N, C-alpha and C. Protein backbone atom coordinates (compact mmCIF):
# COMPACT_ATOMS: atom_id res chain seq x y z
N UNK A 1 -75.11 -4.90 -19.52
CA UNK A 1 -74.97 -3.62 -18.84
C UNK A 1 -76.04 -3.50 -17.76
N UNK A 2 -76.69 -2.38 -17.68
CA UNK A 2 -77.71 -2.16 -16.64
C UNK A 2 -79.06 -2.72 -17.06
N UNK A 3 -79.77 -3.22 -16.10
CA UNK A 3 -81.14 -3.68 -16.28
C UNK A 3 -82.07 -2.49 -16.00
N UNK A 4 -83.14 -2.37 -16.74
CA UNK A 4 -84.10 -1.26 -16.58
C UNK A 4 -84.66 -1.20 -15.16
N UNK A 5 -84.62 -2.31 -14.44
CA UNK A 5 -85.12 -2.34 -13.06
C UNK A 5 -84.13 -1.80 -12.04
N UNK A 6 -82.97 -1.35 -12.50
CA UNK A 6 -81.95 -0.83 -11.59
C UNK A 6 -82.08 0.68 -11.37
N UNK A 7 -83.01 1.32 -12.06
CA UNK A 7 -83.17 2.77 -11.92
C UNK A 7 -84.54 3.18 -12.40
N UNK A 8 -84.97 4.34 -11.97
CA UNK A 8 -86.23 4.92 -12.41
C UNK A 8 -86.08 5.39 -13.86
N UNK A 9 -87.12 5.22 -14.65
CA UNK A 9 -87.09 5.63 -16.06
C UNK A 9 -86.73 7.11 -16.23
N UNK A 10 -86.99 7.92 -15.21
CA UNK A 10 -86.62 9.35 -15.24
C UNK A 10 -85.14 9.52 -15.58
N UNK A 11 -84.30 8.59 -15.12
CA UNK A 11 -82.86 8.69 -15.31
C UNK A 11 -82.37 8.10 -16.62
N UNK A 12 -83.26 7.63 -17.48
CA UNK A 12 -82.87 6.98 -18.73
C UNK A 12 -81.98 7.86 -19.60
N UNK A 13 -82.29 9.14 -19.70
CA UNK A 13 -81.47 10.05 -20.50
C UNK A 13 -80.03 10.07 -19.99
N UNK A 14 -79.85 10.14 -18.68
CA UNK A 14 -78.51 10.16 -18.10
C UNK A 14 -77.80 8.83 -18.33
N UNK A 15 -78.53 7.73 -18.14
CA UNK A 15 -77.95 6.41 -18.37
C UNK A 15 -77.51 6.30 -19.83
N UNK A 16 -78.35 6.73 -20.76
CA UNK A 16 -78.03 6.66 -22.18
C UNK A 16 -76.78 7.47 -22.54
N UNK A 17 -76.56 8.57 -21.83
CA UNK A 17 -75.37 9.39 -22.08
C UNK A 17 -74.09 8.75 -21.54
N UNK A 18 -74.24 7.71 -20.73
CA UNK A 18 -73.06 7.07 -20.15
C UNK A 18 -72.85 5.64 -20.65
N UNK A 19 -73.65 5.23 -21.60
CA UNK A 19 -73.57 3.86 -22.13
C UNK A 19 -72.27 3.66 -22.91
N UNK A 20 -71.75 2.43 -22.83
CA UNK A 20 -70.59 2.08 -23.63
C UNK A 20 -69.26 2.35 -22.96
N UNK A 21 -69.29 2.69 -21.69
CA UNK A 21 -68.05 2.96 -20.97
C UNK A 21 -68.07 2.17 -19.66
N UNK A 22 -66.91 1.69 -19.27
CA UNK A 22 -66.78 1.04 -17.97
C UNK A 22 -66.91 2.12 -16.90
N UNK A 23 -67.56 1.81 -15.80
CA UNK A 23 -67.92 2.82 -14.81
C UNK A 23 -66.74 3.65 -14.30
N UNK A 24 -65.70 3.02 -13.80
CA UNK A 24 -64.58 3.78 -13.24
C UNK A 24 -63.88 4.60 -14.32
N UNK A 25 -63.75 4.04 -15.49
CA UNK A 25 -63.16 4.75 -16.62
C UNK A 25 -64.03 5.95 -17.00
N UNK A 26 -65.33 5.75 -16.98
CA UNK A 26 -66.27 6.83 -17.31
C UNK A 26 -66.23 7.96 -16.30
N UNK A 27 -66.11 7.63 -15.03
CA UNK A 27 -66.00 8.67 -14.00
C UNK A 27 -64.75 9.51 -14.22
N UNK A 28 -63.64 8.86 -14.54
CA UNK A 28 -62.39 9.59 -14.76
C UNK A 28 -62.46 10.42 -16.05
N UNK A 29 -62.98 9.83 -17.10
CA UNK A 29 -63.08 10.53 -18.39
C UNK A 29 -64.00 11.75 -18.30
N UNK A 30 -65.14 11.59 -17.65
CA UNK A 30 -66.06 12.72 -17.54
C UNK A 30 -65.45 13.80 -16.65
N UNK A 31 -64.70 13.40 -15.64
CA UNK A 31 -64.01 14.37 -14.79
C UNK A 31 -63.05 15.22 -15.62
N UNK A 32 -62.23 14.57 -16.43
CA UNK A 32 -61.25 15.31 -17.23
C UNK A 32 -61.92 16.30 -18.18
N UNK A 33 -62.98 15.86 -18.85
CA UNK A 33 -63.70 16.74 -19.78
C UNK A 33 -64.37 17.90 -19.05
N UNK A 34 -65.01 17.58 -17.94
CA UNK A 34 -65.73 18.61 -17.19
C UNK A 34 -64.77 19.61 -16.57
N UNK A 35 -63.70 19.14 -16.01
CA UNK A 35 -62.71 20.04 -15.42
C UNK A 35 -62.14 20.98 -16.48
N UNK A 36 -61.83 20.46 -17.65
CA UNK A 36 -61.32 21.30 -18.73
C UNK A 36 -62.35 22.36 -19.12
N UNK A 37 -63.62 21.97 -19.17
CA UNK A 37 -64.68 22.93 -19.49
C UNK A 37 -64.75 24.01 -18.42
N UNK A 38 -64.83 23.63 -17.16
CA UNK A 38 -64.94 24.60 -16.07
C UNK A 38 -63.76 25.56 -16.07
N UNK A 39 -62.56 25.02 -16.26
CA UNK A 39 -61.36 25.86 -16.25
C UNK A 39 -61.31 26.83 -17.43
N UNK A 40 -62.00 26.50 -18.53
CA UNK A 40 -61.98 27.36 -19.72
C UNK A 40 -62.96 28.53 -19.64
N UNK A 41 -63.85 28.51 -18.68
CA UNK A 41 -64.88 29.54 -18.58
C UNK A 41 -64.35 30.73 -17.79
N UNK A 42 -64.48 31.92 -18.37
CA UNK A 42 -64.05 33.13 -17.67
C UNK A 42 -64.92 33.36 -16.44
N UNK A 43 -64.29 33.86 -15.39
CA UNK A 43 -64.98 34.10 -14.12
C UNK A 43 -66.22 34.98 -14.31
N UNK A 44 -66.11 36.00 -15.16
CA UNK A 44 -67.25 36.91 -15.35
C UNK A 44 -68.42 36.24 -16.09
N UNK A 45 -68.19 35.13 -16.73
CA UNK A 45 -69.24 34.40 -17.45
C UNK A 45 -70.03 33.47 -16.52
N UNK A 46 -69.50 33.20 -15.33
CA UNK A 46 -70.12 32.24 -14.42
C UNK A 46 -71.49 32.67 -13.91
N UNK A 47 -71.79 33.96 -13.94
CA UNK A 47 -73.08 34.45 -13.46
C UNK A 47 -74.09 34.64 -14.58
N UNK A 48 -73.74 34.23 -15.79
CA UNK A 48 -74.62 34.38 -16.95
C UNK A 48 -75.78 33.39 -16.91
N UNK A 49 -76.97 33.89 -17.26
CA UNK A 49 -78.16 33.05 -17.47
C UNK A 49 -78.59 33.24 -18.91
N UNK A 50 -78.87 32.19 -19.61
CA UNK A 50 -79.28 32.34 -21.01
C UNK A 50 -80.74 32.73 -21.13
N UNK A 51 -81.51 32.62 -20.05
CA UNK A 51 -82.92 33.04 -20.05
C UNK A 51 -83.35 33.25 -18.59
N UNK A 52 -84.39 34.06 -18.41
CA UNK A 52 -84.92 34.27 -17.07
C UNK A 52 -85.34 32.94 -16.45
N UNK A 53 -85.02 32.78 -15.18
CA UNK A 53 -85.40 31.57 -14.46
C UNK A 53 -84.46 30.40 -14.66
N UNK A 54 -83.48 30.54 -15.53
CA UNK A 54 -82.50 29.46 -15.74
C UNK A 54 -81.32 29.67 -14.79
N UNK A 55 -80.65 28.58 -14.47
CA UNK A 55 -79.51 28.66 -13.57
C UNK A 55 -78.32 29.33 -14.22
N UNK A 56 -77.47 29.93 -13.40
CA UNK A 56 -76.19 30.44 -13.88
C UNK A 56 -75.23 29.26 -14.00
N UNK A 57 -74.10 29.49 -14.64
CA UNK A 57 -73.10 28.43 -14.73
C UNK A 57 -72.61 28.05 -13.33
N UNK A 58 -72.43 29.04 -12.46
CA UNK A 58 -72.04 28.76 -11.07
C UNK A 58 -73.04 27.82 -10.41
N UNK A 59 -74.31 28.10 -10.63
CA UNK A 59 -75.35 27.27 -10.02
C UNK A 59 -75.33 25.85 -10.59
N UNK A 60 -75.04 25.73 -11.88
CA UNK A 60 -74.94 24.39 -12.48
C UNK A 60 -73.78 23.62 -11.85
N UNK A 61 -72.65 24.28 -11.68
CA UNK A 61 -71.50 23.61 -11.06
C UNK A 61 -71.85 23.15 -9.65
N UNK A 62 -72.48 24.03 -8.87
CA UNK A 62 -72.88 23.66 -7.51
C UNK A 62 -73.89 22.50 -7.53
N UNK A 63 -74.81 22.56 -8.46
CA UNK A 63 -75.80 21.49 -8.61
C UNK A 63 -75.13 20.16 -8.91
N UNK A 64 -74.14 20.16 -9.79
CA UNK A 64 -73.41 18.92 -10.10
C UNK A 64 -72.71 18.37 -8.87
N UNK A 65 -72.08 19.25 -8.10
CA UNK A 65 -71.39 18.83 -6.88
C UNK A 65 -72.39 18.23 -5.89
N UNK A 66 -73.47 18.93 -5.64
CA UNK A 66 -74.47 18.46 -4.67
C UNK A 66 -75.09 17.13 -5.10
N UNK A 67 -75.45 17.04 -6.37
CA UNK A 67 -76.08 15.82 -6.87
C UNK A 67 -75.14 14.63 -6.80
N UNK A 68 -73.87 14.85 -7.12
CA UNK A 68 -72.90 13.77 -7.04
C UNK A 68 -72.78 13.26 -5.61
N UNK A 69 -72.78 14.18 -4.65
CA UNK A 69 -72.70 13.77 -3.24
C UNK A 69 -73.92 12.94 -2.85
N UNK A 70 -75.10 13.37 -3.28
CA UNK A 70 -76.32 12.65 -2.94
C UNK A 70 -76.28 11.23 -3.53
N UNK A 71 -75.88 11.11 -4.78
CA UNK A 71 -75.86 9.79 -5.42
C UNK A 71 -74.74 8.90 -4.85
N UNK A 72 -73.66 9.49 -4.41
CA UNK A 72 -72.62 8.70 -3.74
C UNK A 72 -73.14 8.17 -2.41
N UNK A 73 -73.86 9.00 -1.67
CA UNK A 73 -74.43 8.53 -0.41
C UNK A 73 -75.41 7.39 -0.65
N UNK A 74 -76.23 7.52 -1.67
CA UNK A 74 -77.16 6.45 -2.02
C UNK A 74 -76.40 5.17 -2.36
N UNK A 75 -75.37 5.30 -3.18
CA UNK A 75 -74.57 4.13 -3.57
C UNK A 75 -73.93 3.48 -2.34
N UNK A 76 -73.39 4.27 -1.44
CA UNK A 76 -72.77 3.74 -0.23
C UNK A 76 -73.78 2.99 0.62
N UNK A 77 -74.94 3.58 0.82
CA UNK A 77 -75.98 2.92 1.62
C UNK A 77 -76.37 1.59 1.02
N UNK A 78 -76.58 1.54 -0.26
CA UNK A 78 -77.03 0.32 -0.91
C UNK A 78 -75.92 -0.73 -0.97
N UNK A 79 -74.68 -0.29 -1.18
CA UNK A 79 -73.56 -1.23 -1.19
C UNK A 79 -73.40 -1.90 0.17
N UNK A 80 -73.75 -1.18 1.22
CA UNK A 80 -73.64 -1.72 2.58
C UNK A 80 -74.92 -2.40 3.05
N UNK A 81 -75.84 -2.57 2.10
CA UNK A 81 -77.11 -3.27 2.34
C UNK A 81 -78.00 -2.60 3.39
N UNK A 82 -77.92 -1.28 3.44
CA UNK A 82 -78.82 -0.52 4.31
C UNK A 82 -80.22 -0.63 3.72
N UNK A 83 -81.16 -1.01 4.51
CA UNK A 83 -82.53 -1.26 4.02
C UNK A 83 -83.44 -0.04 4.17
N UNK A 84 -82.92 1.07 4.66
CA UNK A 84 -83.73 2.27 4.84
C UNK A 84 -83.99 2.91 3.47
N UNK A 85 -85.25 3.26 3.22
CA UNK A 85 -85.58 3.96 1.98
C UNK A 85 -85.08 5.40 2.09
N UNK A 86 -84.34 5.82 1.09
CA UNK A 86 -83.76 7.16 1.11
C UNK A 86 -84.69 8.17 0.44
N UNK A 87 -84.77 9.36 1.01
CA UNK A 87 -85.66 10.38 0.44
C UNK A 87 -85.07 11.01 -0.81
N UNK A 88 -85.90 11.73 -1.53
CA UNK A 88 -85.43 12.54 -2.64
C UNK A 88 -84.80 13.81 -2.08
N UNK A 89 -84.41 14.70 -2.98
CA UNK A 89 -83.92 15.99 -2.53
C UNK A 89 -84.38 17.05 -3.51
N UNK A 90 -84.55 18.26 -3.01
CA UNK A 90 -85.01 19.36 -3.85
C UNK A 90 -83.81 20.14 -4.37
N UNK A 91 -83.49 19.95 -5.65
CA UNK A 91 -82.34 20.62 -6.23
C UNK A 91 -82.45 22.14 -6.11
N UNK A 92 -83.65 22.66 -6.21
CA UNK A 92 -83.82 24.12 -6.11
C UNK A 92 -83.57 24.61 -4.69
N UNK A 93 -84.04 23.87 -3.70
CA UNK A 93 -83.77 24.24 -2.30
C UNK A 93 -82.28 24.16 -2.00
N UNK A 94 -81.63 23.13 -2.52
CA UNK A 94 -80.19 23.00 -2.30
C UNK A 94 -79.46 24.22 -2.86
N UNK A 95 -79.82 24.63 -4.07
CA UNK A 95 -79.16 25.80 -4.67
C UNK A 95 -79.47 27.08 -3.92
N UNK A 96 -80.72 27.24 -3.56
CA UNK A 96 -81.13 28.46 -2.86
C UNK A 96 -80.37 28.64 -1.55
N UNK A 97 -80.00 27.54 -0.93
CA UNK A 97 -79.34 27.59 0.36
C UNK A 97 -77.84 27.28 0.29
N UNK A 98 -77.27 27.34 -0.90
CA UNK A 98 -75.87 26.96 -1.09
C UNK A 98 -74.88 28.10 -0.90
N UNK A 99 -75.33 29.35 -1.07
CA UNK A 99 -74.41 30.48 -1.02
C UNK A 99 -73.45 30.54 -2.20
N UNK A 100 -73.83 29.90 -3.29
CA UNK A 100 -72.93 29.79 -4.44
C UNK A 100 -72.56 31.15 -5.04
N UNK A 101 -73.42 32.13 -4.94
CA UNK A 101 -73.12 33.44 -5.54
C UNK A 101 -71.88 34.10 -4.94
N UNK A 102 -71.56 33.76 -3.71
CA UNK A 102 -70.40 34.37 -3.05
C UNK A 102 -69.11 33.56 -3.26
N UNK A 103 -69.19 32.48 -4.01
CA UNK A 103 -68.03 31.62 -4.20
C UNK A 103 -67.29 31.96 -5.49
N UNK A 104 -66.00 31.73 -5.47
CA UNK A 104 -65.17 31.99 -6.66
C UNK A 104 -65.13 30.75 -7.54
N UNK A 105 -64.70 30.96 -8.77
CA UNK A 105 -64.51 29.87 -9.71
C UNK A 105 -63.51 28.85 -9.15
N UNK A 106 -62.38 29.34 -8.65
CA UNK A 106 -61.36 28.44 -8.12
C UNK A 106 -61.89 27.61 -6.95
N UNK A 107 -62.69 28.22 -6.10
CA UNK A 107 -63.26 27.52 -4.95
C UNK A 107 -64.20 26.40 -5.42
N UNK A 108 -65.05 26.70 -6.38
CA UNK A 108 -65.97 25.69 -6.91
C UNK A 108 -65.21 24.56 -7.59
N UNK A 109 -64.20 24.90 -8.34
CA UNK A 109 -63.41 23.87 -9.03
C UNK A 109 -62.69 22.98 -8.02
N UNK A 110 -62.15 23.55 -6.96
CA UNK A 110 -61.48 22.74 -5.94
C UNK A 110 -62.47 21.79 -5.27
N UNK A 111 -63.68 22.26 -5.00
CA UNK A 111 -64.68 21.37 -4.40
C UNK A 111 -65.07 20.27 -5.38
N UNK A 112 -65.27 20.64 -6.64
CA UNK A 112 -65.60 19.65 -7.66
C UNK A 112 -64.52 18.56 -7.72
N UNK A 113 -63.25 18.95 -7.74
CA UNK A 113 -62.15 18.00 -7.80
C UNK A 113 -62.14 17.08 -6.58
N UNK A 114 -62.38 17.65 -5.41
CA UNK A 114 -62.38 16.86 -4.17
C UNK A 114 -63.52 15.85 -4.18
N UNK A 115 -64.70 16.29 -4.61
CA UNK A 115 -65.85 15.40 -4.64
C UNK A 115 -65.61 14.26 -5.63
N UNK A 116 -65.11 14.57 -6.82
CA UNK A 116 -64.89 13.50 -7.80
C UNK A 116 -63.79 12.55 -7.35
N UNK A 117 -62.78 13.05 -6.71
CA UNK A 117 -61.75 12.17 -6.18
C UNK A 117 -62.35 11.19 -5.18
N UNK A 118 -63.21 11.70 -4.32
CA UNK A 118 -63.89 10.86 -3.35
C UNK A 118 -64.82 9.86 -4.04
N UNK A 119 -65.52 10.31 -5.05
CA UNK A 119 -66.42 9.43 -5.82
C UNK A 119 -65.62 8.29 -6.46
N UNK A 120 -64.51 8.62 -7.08
CA UNK A 120 -63.68 7.60 -7.73
C UNK A 120 -63.19 6.58 -6.72
N UNK A 121 -62.75 7.04 -5.56
CA UNK A 121 -62.27 6.14 -4.52
C UNK A 121 -63.39 5.25 -4.01
N UNK A 122 -64.56 5.84 -3.80
CA UNK A 122 -65.70 5.08 -3.31
C UNK A 122 -66.08 3.97 -4.29
N UNK A 123 -66.29 4.31 -5.55
CA UNK A 123 -66.72 3.31 -6.53
C UNK A 123 -65.64 2.27 -6.78
N UNK A 124 -64.37 2.65 -6.69
CA UNK A 124 -63.28 1.68 -6.85
C UNK A 124 -63.26 0.66 -5.70
N UNK A 125 -63.82 1.06 -4.57
CA UNK A 125 -63.82 0.16 -3.40
C UNK A 125 -64.93 -0.89 -3.46
N UNK A 126 -65.90 -0.70 -4.33
CA UNK A 126 -67.03 -1.63 -4.40
C UNK A 126 -66.66 -2.90 -5.15
N UNK A 127 -67.05 -4.03 -4.61
CA UNK A 127 -66.89 -5.30 -5.30
C UNK A 127 -67.98 -5.42 -6.37
N UNK A 128 -67.86 -6.42 -7.23
CA UNK A 128 -68.89 -6.66 -8.24
C UNK A 128 -70.24 -6.92 -7.58
N UNK A 129 -70.22 -7.66 -6.48
CA UNK A 129 -71.48 -7.93 -5.76
C UNK A 129 -72.09 -6.64 -5.22
N UNK A 130 -71.26 -5.78 -4.67
CA UNK A 130 -71.77 -4.50 -4.14
C UNK A 130 -72.37 -3.64 -5.24
N UNK A 131 -71.74 -3.67 -6.41
CA UNK A 131 -72.22 -2.83 -7.53
C UNK A 131 -73.65 -3.17 -7.93
N UNK A 132 -74.07 -4.41 -7.70
CA UNK A 132 -75.41 -4.81 -8.11
C UNK A 132 -76.44 -4.71 -6.99
N UNK A 133 -76.00 -4.32 -5.80
CA UNK A 133 -76.95 -4.15 -4.70
C UNK A 133 -77.94 -3.04 -5.05
N UNK A 134 -79.15 -3.18 -4.54
CA UNK A 134 -80.20 -2.20 -4.83
C UNK A 134 -80.88 -1.74 -3.56
N UNK A 135 -81.43 -0.57 -3.65
CA UNK A 135 -82.24 -0.03 -2.57
C UNK A 135 -83.29 0.87 -3.16
N UNK A 136 -83.99 1.59 -2.28
CA UNK A 136 -85.03 2.52 -2.72
C UNK A 136 -84.61 3.95 -2.38
N UNK A 137 -84.69 4.81 -3.37
CA UNK A 137 -84.42 6.23 -3.21
C UNK A 137 -85.47 6.99 -4.00
N UNK A 138 -86.06 7.98 -3.38
CA UNK A 138 -87.12 8.75 -4.04
C UNK A 138 -88.24 7.83 -4.52
N UNK A 139 -88.58 6.84 -3.72
CA UNK A 139 -89.66 5.90 -4.03
C UNK A 139 -89.39 5.04 -5.26
N UNK A 140 -88.12 4.89 -5.64
CA UNK A 140 -87.78 4.12 -6.83
C UNK A 140 -86.56 3.24 -6.57
N UNK A 141 -86.46 2.12 -7.29
CA UNK A 141 -85.27 1.28 -7.14
C UNK A 141 -84.04 1.96 -7.74
N UNK A 142 -82.90 1.66 -7.13
CA UNK A 142 -81.63 2.19 -7.63
C UNK A 142 -80.54 1.21 -7.24
N UNK A 143 -79.71 0.83 -8.21
CA UNK A 143 -78.55 -0.01 -7.90
C UNK A 143 -77.35 0.89 -7.70
N UNK A 144 -76.34 0.32 -7.06
CA UNK A 144 -75.09 1.04 -6.81
C UNK A 144 -74.49 1.48 -8.14
N UNK A 145 -74.38 0.55 -9.08
CA UNK A 145 -73.75 0.91 -10.35
C UNK A 145 -74.59 1.90 -11.15
N UNK A 146 -75.91 1.82 -11.07
CA UNK A 146 -76.75 2.80 -11.75
C UNK A 146 -76.50 4.19 -11.20
N UNK A 147 -76.29 4.29 -9.89
CA UNK A 147 -75.98 5.60 -9.29
C UNK A 147 -74.72 6.18 -9.91
N UNK A 148 -73.71 5.34 -10.13
CA UNK A 148 -72.48 5.81 -10.76
C UNK A 148 -72.68 6.26 -12.19
N UNK A 149 -73.44 5.49 -12.94
CA UNK A 149 -73.71 5.87 -14.33
C UNK A 149 -74.59 7.12 -14.41
N UNK A 150 -75.46 7.30 -13.47
CA UNK A 150 -76.28 8.52 -13.43
C UNK A 150 -75.39 9.73 -13.17
N UNK A 151 -74.42 9.60 -12.29
CA UNK A 151 -73.47 10.70 -12.04
C UNK A 151 -72.79 11.11 -13.34
N UNK A 152 -72.31 10.14 -14.10
CA UNK A 152 -71.63 10.42 -15.37
C UNK A 152 -72.58 11.10 -16.36
N UNK A 153 -73.75 10.50 -16.56
CA UNK A 153 -74.70 11.02 -17.55
C UNK A 153 -75.28 12.37 -17.16
N UNK A 154 -75.53 12.57 -15.88
CA UNK A 154 -76.05 13.85 -15.39
C UNK A 154 -75.04 14.95 -15.65
N UNK A 155 -73.78 14.67 -15.37
CA UNK A 155 -72.72 15.65 -15.62
C UNK A 155 -72.61 15.94 -17.12
N UNK A 156 -72.63 14.91 -17.94
CA UNK A 156 -72.55 15.08 -19.39
C UNK A 156 -73.71 15.94 -19.89
N UNK A 157 -74.91 15.66 -19.41
CA UNK A 157 -76.10 16.42 -19.77
C UNK A 157 -75.90 17.91 -19.50
N UNK A 158 -75.46 18.24 -18.30
CA UNK A 158 -75.32 19.66 -17.94
C UNK A 158 -74.15 20.32 -18.67
N UNK A 159 -73.08 19.58 -18.92
CA UNK A 159 -71.97 20.15 -19.70
C UNK A 159 -72.40 20.42 -21.14
N UNK A 160 -73.22 19.54 -21.70
CA UNK A 160 -73.76 19.78 -23.04
C UNK A 160 -74.60 21.05 -23.05
N UNK A 161 -75.40 21.26 -22.03
CA UNK A 161 -76.22 22.48 -21.95
C UNK A 161 -75.32 23.72 -21.83
N UNK A 162 -74.29 23.65 -20.99
CA UNK A 162 -73.36 24.78 -20.88
C UNK A 162 -72.77 25.11 -22.23
N UNK A 163 -72.29 24.10 -22.94
CA UNK A 163 -71.67 24.33 -24.26
C UNK A 163 -72.68 24.86 -25.28
N UNK A 164 -73.90 24.38 -25.26
CA UNK A 164 -74.89 24.76 -26.27
C UNK A 164 -75.57 26.09 -25.98
N UNK A 165 -75.82 26.41 -24.72
CA UNK A 165 -76.65 27.57 -24.40
C UNK A 165 -75.94 28.70 -23.67
N UNK A 166 -74.79 28.43 -23.11
CA UNK A 166 -74.11 29.45 -22.31
C UNK A 166 -72.86 30.01 -22.95
N UNK A 167 -72.17 29.21 -23.75
CA UNK A 167 -70.88 29.64 -24.29
C UNK A 167 -70.96 30.02 -25.75
């Protein structure tokens, strides 16, 4: 599977949540589970915070969308052997400037579906050689395939939190 040198140890929890599944199959499976979860949540529950300073469910959905886009861009750059070191991103700044509070559940779900469809197409286009390409992002090594597994595990992590603390 993945070598520890393909990602920063920070992402180990996400990688561990995605172990034992083939990447493309895992992207599709996590999509189906996550979509079912999002569709089951009442619109009025989307603004709920389980504690002060914690994100709302709407904010979590937007965070998942934004993070998936960032990791897809990283994967694309590395698959194409771009040697530029990619910067990190501030998840809190992204949320603060997202306008998510004015968006509807249906709008967020449609964006989520579009992003995952694009993610699936992108990763399906990568050859085995491309999947093992590596680059630097946030001052750390990252392989193309690790980016995909991080997307799966990151989504699983946040869906587990929604189920445990919000619903």
